[in-house]
Protein backbone atom coordinates (compact mmCIF):
# COMPACT_ATOMS: atom_id res chain seq x y z
CA MET A 1 -147.54 -73.26 -197.30
CA LEU A 2 -146.04 -76.68 -198.07
CA ARG A 3 -142.49 -75.31 -197.72
CA GLU A 4 -143.35 -73.79 -194.32
CA ALA A 5 -144.59 -77.18 -193.09
CA ALA A 6 -141.43 -78.89 -194.33
CA ASP A 7 -139.22 -76.29 -192.60
CA ALA A 8 -141.09 -76.75 -189.34
CA ILE A 9 -140.32 -80.48 -189.16
CA GLU A 10 -136.85 -80.54 -190.71
CA ARG A 11 -134.22 -81.99 -188.39
CA VAL A 12 -130.55 -82.52 -189.02
CA VAL A 13 -129.20 -85.90 -187.89
CA PRO A 14 -125.45 -85.71 -187.36
CA LEU A 15 -123.63 -88.46 -189.23
CA GLY A 16 -121.74 -90.87 -186.98
CA ARG A 17 -123.50 -89.82 -183.75
CA ALA A 18 -125.73 -92.37 -182.07
CA ALA A 19 -128.51 -91.28 -179.73
CA ILE A 20 -129.07 -92.84 -176.33
CA ARG A 21 -132.86 -93.03 -176.16
CA ARG A 22 -133.03 -94.70 -172.75
CA THR A 23 -130.55 -95.62 -170.01
CA GLY A 24 -130.30 -98.86 -168.05
CA ALA A 25 -127.65 -101.25 -166.77
CA ASP A 26 -129.13 -104.70 -167.35
CA VAL A 27 -129.10 -104.79 -171.14
CA ALA A 28 -127.95 -102.49 -173.92
CA ILE A 29 -130.46 -102.80 -176.77
CA ILE A 30 -128.90 -101.48 -179.97
CA SER A 31 -130.94 -100.78 -183.09
CA LEU A 32 -131.59 -98.20 -185.79
CA GLY A 33 -134.04 -96.88 -188.28
CA VAL A 34 -137.65 -97.86 -188.62
CA GLY A 35 -137.25 -100.66 -186.08
CA MET A 36 -136.56 -98.33 -183.13
CA HIS A 37 -140.16 -98.53 -181.91
CA TRP A 38 -139.73 -102.22 -180.97
CA PRO A 39 -136.80 -101.71 -178.53
CA MET A 40 -138.41 -98.63 -177.00
CA GLU A 41 -141.67 -100.43 -176.27
CA ALA A 42 -139.86 -103.57 -175.09
CA ALA A 43 -137.64 -101.51 -172.74
CA ALA A 44 -140.70 -99.85 -171.20
CA ARG A 45 -142.40 -103.20 -170.67
CA LEU A 46 -139.21 -104.83 -169.32
CA ALA A 47 -138.86 -101.98 -166.80
CA GLU A 48 -142.25 -102.92 -165.38
CA GLY A 49 -140.67 -106.28 -164.48
CA GLY A 50 -137.51 -104.78 -163.02
CA ILE A 51 -135.19 -105.13 -166.06
CA GLU A 52 -133.56 -101.82 -166.96
CA ALA A 53 -132.66 -101.51 -170.63
CA ALA A 54 -130.50 -98.89 -172.27
CA VAL A 55 -131.64 -98.24 -175.84
CA VAL A 56 -129.16 -96.97 -178.42
CA ASP A 57 -130.33 -95.61 -181.77
CA LEU A 58 -127.29 -95.90 -184.03
CA ARG A 59 -128.88 -93.53 -186.58
CA THR A 60 -126.01 -94.17 -189.00
CA VAL A 61 -123.74 -97.17 -189.55
CA ALA A 62 -121.20 -95.58 -191.89
CA PRO A 63 -119.79 -93.83 -190.02
CA LEU A 64 -120.55 -95.83 -186.88
CA ASP A 65 -120.43 -94.16 -183.47
CA VAL A 66 -118.08 -96.71 -181.89
CA GLU A 67 -117.49 -94.56 -178.80
CA THR A 68 -121.16 -94.39 -177.78
CA LEU A 69 -121.69 -98.02 -178.74
CA CYS A 70 -118.81 -99.15 -176.51
CA ASP A 71 -119.72 -96.80 -173.64
CA VAL A 72 -123.27 -98.09 -173.41
CA ALA A 73 -122.45 -101.76 -174.07
CA GLY A 74 -119.52 -101.60 -171.65
CA SER A 75 -121.71 -100.29 -168.84
CA SER A 76 -124.46 -102.91 -169.36
CA ARG A 77 -124.54 -106.49 -168.17
CA THR A 78 -125.69 -107.83 -171.56
CA VAL A 79 -126.04 -106.67 -175.18
CA LEU A 80 -128.94 -107.25 -177.56
CA VAL A 81 -128.87 -106.05 -181.17
CA VAL A 82 -132.22 -105.62 -182.91
CA ASP A 83 -132.00 -105.47 -186.67
CA GLU A 84 -134.68 -105.76 -189.33
CA ASP A 85 -132.13 -107.43 -191.63
CA TYR A 86 -131.26 -111.13 -191.58
CA VAL A 87 -129.23 -112.63 -188.72
CA SER A 88 -126.54 -113.93 -191.10
CA PHE A 89 -124.08 -111.45 -192.59
CA GLY A 90 -125.83 -108.38 -191.22
CA LEU A 91 -125.45 -105.47 -188.87
CA SER A 92 -125.83 -107.57 -185.73
CA GLY A 93 -122.68 -109.54 -186.55
CA GLU A 94 -120.76 -106.35 -187.31
CA ILE A 95 -121.77 -104.84 -183.97
CA THR A 96 -120.49 -107.99 -182.24
CA ALA A 97 -117.18 -107.72 -184.09
CA VAL A 98 -116.76 -104.03 -183.27
CA LEU A 99 -117.44 -104.62 -179.57
CA ALA A 100 -115.05 -107.60 -179.44
CA GLU A 101 -112.30 -105.62 -181.20
CA GLN A 102 -112.73 -102.89 -178.60
CA GLY A 103 -112.48 -105.41 -175.74
CA ILE A 104 -116.14 -105.24 -174.74
CA THR A 105 -117.22 -108.77 -173.90
CA ARG A 106 -120.75 -109.25 -172.63
CA PRO A 107 -123.34 -111.96 -173.05
CA PHE A 108 -124.81 -111.13 -176.45
CA ALA A 109 -127.92 -111.98 -178.47
CA ARG A 110 -129.57 -110.85 -181.67
CA VAL A 111 -133.17 -110.35 -182.69
CA ALA A 112 -133.41 -110.09 -186.45
CA THR A 113 -135.42 -111.38 -189.35
CA THR A 114 -135.61 -115.12 -188.88
CA GLY A 115 -135.20 -116.24 -192.47
CA ILE A 116 -136.58 -115.68 -195.92
CA ILE A 117 -139.51 -113.30 -195.63
CA PRO A 118 -142.68 -115.19 -196.58
CA TYR A 119 -145.33 -113.85 -198.92
CA ALA A 120 -148.25 -114.09 -196.49
CA ARG A 121 -148.48 -110.91 -194.39
CA HIS A 122 -149.11 -112.69 -191.06
CA LEU A 123 -146.04 -114.91 -191.62
CA GLU A 124 -143.96 -111.87 -192.59
CA VAL A 125 -144.90 -110.18 -189.31
CA GLU A 126 -143.85 -113.30 -187.37
CA SER A 127 -140.46 -113.40 -189.11
CA LEU A 128 -139.54 -109.78 -188.29
CA PRO A 129 -138.25 -108.50 -184.94
CA SER A 130 -140.99 -107.75 -182.44
CA VAL A 131 -141.47 -106.47 -178.91
CA ASP A 132 -142.20 -110.00 -177.69
CA ARG A 133 -139.05 -111.44 -179.31
CA ILE A 134 -136.94 -108.62 -177.84
CA MET A 135 -138.38 -109.17 -174.38
CA GLN A 136 -137.84 -112.95 -174.57
CA ALA A 137 -134.24 -112.56 -175.79
CA THR A 138 -133.52 -110.06 -173.01
CA ARG A 139 -134.96 -112.33 -170.33
CA THR A 140 -132.92 -115.25 -171.67
CA LEU A 141 -129.73 -113.15 -171.56
CA ILE A 142 -130.37 -111.94 -168.02
CA ALA A 143 -131.26 -115.45 -166.80
CA ALA A 144 -127.98 -116.85 -168.17
CA ILE A 145 -125.83 -114.50 -166.05
CA PRO A 146 -124.47 -116.32 -162.99
CA GLY A 147 -125.29 -114.88 -159.59
């Protein structure tokens, strides 16, 4: 019985293949893992205000799906990386480097853990990425584009 339940929900995630969870031309929101619910909810709420967000689920970072990453980022006006790790020395900086090396230059921002994660649960929640922080960063990026 337990094996049958496990077989019914088993899915194979191809290594090195990102998934485009949502399309949009204003901002490419790039994330992965457990934090994917934040960009998806933020994109839905941003759409209500007329901002169309593409959402890319990297799924794996080694190997990294550079082709999909560049295709989506290259067709968006701005790029926002959402990462549950720290801003410094993390995935968000690597994504920036990969895009730059591939010639993709867009206004760019990061939403990541703000600093050392505090012990108190309510402070921990405030330090992690959130829908509100993603929406604010996206609006700031869009507002900075001339014209």
